[in-house]
Amino acid sequence: MVGMPSTAVVQFGQMFAGVALVGLAALAIAHVLIAVLAVVGVIGSRQNAGMKIVWFLLIWAMPLIGSVMWFLVGRREHRSQWDPAESLPRVPRGAASL
């Protein structure tokens, strides 16, 4: 018959659809994993409660964009406020020096 695809073409199409479905599933799993890791990062951060809520809502509303923004901007924003002198142990006045 004219116009009917050969069985090889049909089999290739079915195989391609299966590979595409597996790839799409892997992307969906990665997408969810990135969003979950971003939310865990927000919860564990030292930012105030208001900023945590803003970041959580951003990740919830736009999971991929919000997650990428958290990893690129949100975590760095907090790190820039860190003062290494605050993490040093304090020596009481009058203590003998070694």
C-alpha atoms as a PDB file:
ATOM      1  CA  MET A   1       0.000   0.000   0.000  1.00  0.00           C
ATOM      2  CA  VAL A   2       1.150   3.467  -0.773  1.00  0.00           C
ATOM      3  CA  GLY A   3       1.478   5.865   2.146  1.00  0.00           C
ATOM      4  CA  MET A   4       1.735   3.229   4.887  1.00  0.00           C
ATOM      5  CA  PRO A   5       4.976   3.381   6.908  1.00  0.00           C
ATOM      6  CA  SER A   6       7.165   0.311   6.935  1.00  0.00           C
ATOM      7  CA  THR A   7       7.468  -1.737  10.104  1.00  0.00           C
ATOM      8  CA  ALA A   8      11.062  -0.527  10.549  1.00  0.00           C
ATOM      9  CA  VAL A   9       9.880   3.075  10.635  1.00  0.00           C
ATOM     10  CA  VAL A  10       7.124   2.229  13.096  1.00  0.00           C
ATOM     11  CA  GLN A  11       9.553   0.323  15.347  1.00  0.00           C
ATOM     12  CA  PHE A  12      12.029   3.205  15.250  1.00  0.00           C
ATOM     13  CA  GLY A  13       9.254   5.634  16.174  1.00  0.00           C
ATOM     14  CA  GLN A  14       8.193   3.464  19.105  1.00  0.00           C
ATOM     15  CA  MET A  15      11.798   3.108  20.289  1.00  0.00           C
ATOM     16  CA  PHE A  16      12.379   6.857  20.016  1.00  0.00           C
ATOM     17  CA  ALA A  17       9.192   7.537  21.991  1.00  0.00           C
ATOM     18  CA  GLY A  18      10.387   5.176  24.741  1.00  0.00           C
ATOM     19  CA  VAL A  19      13.803   6.869  24.959  1.00  0.00           C
ATOM     20  CA  ALA A  20      12.181  10.297  24.985  1.00  0.00           C
ATOM     21  CA  LEU A  21       9.851   9.217  27.787  1.00  0.00           C
ATOM     22  CA  VAL A  22      12.764   7.963  29.909  1.00  0.00           C
ATOM     23  CA  GLY A  23      14.671  11.200  29.291  1.00  0.00           C
ATOM     24  CA  LEU A  24      11.637  13.265  30.196  1.00  0.00           C
ATOM     25  CA  ALA A  25      11.172  11.262  33.403  1.00  0.00           C
ATOM     26  CA  ALA A  26      14.837  11.812  34.326  1.00  0.00           C
ATOM     27  CA  LEU A  27      14.449  15.564  33.783  1.00  0.00           C
ATOM     28  CA  ALA A  28      11.307  15.623  35.926  1.00  0.00           C
ATOM     29  CA  ILE A  29      13.082  13.775  38.751  1.00  0.00           C
ATOM     30  CA  ALA A  30      16.058  16.147  38.534  1.00  0.00           C
ATOM     31  CA  HIS A  31      13.685  19.138  38.560  1.00  0.00           C
ATOM     32  CA  VAL A  32      11.952  17.933  41.741  1.00  0.00           C
ATOM     33  CA  LEU A  33      15.271  17.037  43.381  1.00  0.00           C
ATOM     34  CA  ILE A  34      16.720  20.498  42.718  1.00  0.00           C
ATOM     35  CA  ALA A  35      13.599  22.167  44.156  1.00  0.00           C
ATOM     36  CA  VAL A  36      13.674  19.954  47.273  1.00  0.00           C
ATOM     37  CA  LEU A  37      17.378  20.667  47.823  1.00  0.00           C
ATOM     38  CA  ALA A  38      16.721  24.393  47.468  1.00  0.00           C
ATOM     39  CA  VAL A  39      13.894  24.285  50.035  1.00  0.00           C
ATOM     40  CA  VAL A  40      16.097  22.321  52.442  1.00  0.00           C
ATOM     41  CA  GLY A  41      18.829  24.919  51.920  1.00  0.00           C
ATOM     42  CA  VAL A  42      16.422  27.759  52.636  1.00  0.00           C
ATOM     43  CA  ILE A  43      15.154  26.092  55.806  1.00  0.00           C
ATOM     44  CA  GLY A  44      18.695  25.418  57.035  1.00  0.00           C
ATOM     45  CA  SER A  45      19.987  28.910  56.243  1.00  0.00           C
ATOM     46  CA  ARG A  46      20.599  31.577  58.862  1.00  0.00           C
ATOM     47  CA  GLN A  47      18.397  34.117  57.105  1.00  0.00           C
ATOM     48  CA  ASN A  48      15.533  35.679  59.028  1.00  0.00           C
ATOM     49  CA  ALA A  49      12.063  34.154  58.870  1.00  0.00           C
ATOM     50  CA  GLY A  50      10.765  36.783  56.435  1.00  0.00           C
ATOM     51  CA  MET A  51      13.467  36.054  53.850  1.00  0.00           C
ATOM     52  CA  LYS A  52      12.959  32.311  54.270  1.00  0.00           C
ATOM     53  CA  ILE A  53       9.260  32.755  53.481  1.00  0.00           C
ATOM     54  CA  VAL A  54      10.067  34.866  50.409  1.00  0.00           C
ATOM     55  CA  TRP A  55      12.532  32.267  49.114  1.00  0.00           C
ATOM     56  CA  PHE A  56      10.123  29.412  49.833  1.00  0.00           C
ATOM     57  CA  LEU A  57       7.301  31.162  47.947  1.00  0.00           C
ATOM     58  CA  LEU A  58       9.607  31.903  45.023  1.00  0.00           C
ATOM     59  CA  ILE A  59      10.696  28.260  44.824  1.00  0.00           C
ATOM     60  CA  TRP A  60       7.096  27.079  45.166  1.00  0.00           C
ATOM     61  CA  ALA A  61       5.758  29.450  42.484  1.00  0.00           C
ATOM     62  CA  MET A  62       8.585  28.902  39.982  1.00  0.00           C
ATOM     63  CA  PRO A  63      10.469  25.753  41.013  1.00  0.00           C
ATOM     64  CA  LEU A  64      13.228  25.741  38.418  1.00  0.00           C
ATOM     65  CA  ILE A  65      13.863  29.498  38.294  1.00  0.00           C
ATOM     66  CA  GLY A  66      13.449  29.929  42.054  1.00  0.00           C
ATOM     67  CA  SER A  67      15.800  27.037  42.829  1.00  0.00           C
ATOM     68  CA  VAL A  68      18.479  28.278  40.474  1.00  0.00           C
ATOM     69  CA  MET A  69      18.132  31.782  41.919  1.00  0.00           C
ATOM     70  CA  TRP A  70      18.521  30.391  45.457  1.00  0.00           C
ATOM     71  CA  PHE A  71      21.720  28.539  44.563  1.00  0.00           C
ATOM     72  CA  LEU A  72      23.194  31.494  42.646  1.00  0.00           C
ATOM     73  CA  VAL A  73      21.999  34.484  44.703  1.00  0.00           C
ATOM     74  CA  GLY A  74      20.360  33.474  47.987  1.00  0.00           C
ATOM     75  CA  ARG A  75      23.169  31.419  49.433  1.00  0.00           C
ATOM     76  CA  ARG A  76      25.791  33.939  48.322  1.00  0.00           C
ATOM     77  CA  GLU A  77      23.746  36.805  49.770  1.00  0.00           C
ATOM     78  CA  HIS A  78      23.967  35.225  53.210  1.00  0.00           C
ATOM     79  CA  ARG A  79      27.660  34.384  52.898  1.00  0.00           C
ATOM     80  CA  SER A  80      28.547  38.004  52.202  1.00  0.00           C
ATOM     81  CA  GLN A  81      27.209  38.944  55.644  1.00  0.00           C
ATOM     82  CA  TRP A  82      29.439  36.461  57.469  1.00  0.00           C
ATOM     83  CA  ASP A  83      32.162  37.988  59.610  1.00  0.00           C
ATOM     84  CA  PRO A  84      35.060  35.607  60.288  1.00  0.00           C
ATOM     85  CA  ALA A  85      36.041  37.547  63.424  1.00  0.00           C
ATOM     86  CA  GLU A  86      32.739  36.538  65.024  1.00  0.00           C
ATOM     87  CA  SER A  87      33.600  32.857  64.740  1.00  0.00           C
ATOM     88  CA  LEU A  88      36.875  33.169  66.692  1.00  0.00           C
ATOM     89  CA  PRO A  89      36.829  32.169  70.360  1.00  0.00           C
ATOM     90  CA  ARG A  90      36.759  35.090  72.764  1.00  0.00           C
ATOM     91  CA  VAL A  91      39.522  35.387  75.369  1.00  0.00           C
ATOM     92  CA  PRO A  92      38.404  36.965  78.635  1.00  0.00           C
ATOM     93  CA  ARG A  93      40.228  40.105  79.735  1.00  0.00           C
ATOM     94  CA  GLY A  94      43.008  39.475  82.189  1.00  0.00           C
ATOM     95  CA  ALA A  95      43.588  35.911  81.004  1.00  0.00           C
ATOM     96  CA  ALA A  96      47.206  34.868  80.904  1.00  0.00           C
ATOM     97  CA  SER A  97      48.652  34.715  77.424  1.00  0.00           C
ATOM     98  CA  LEU A  98      50.697  31.722  76.364  1.00  0.00           C
END
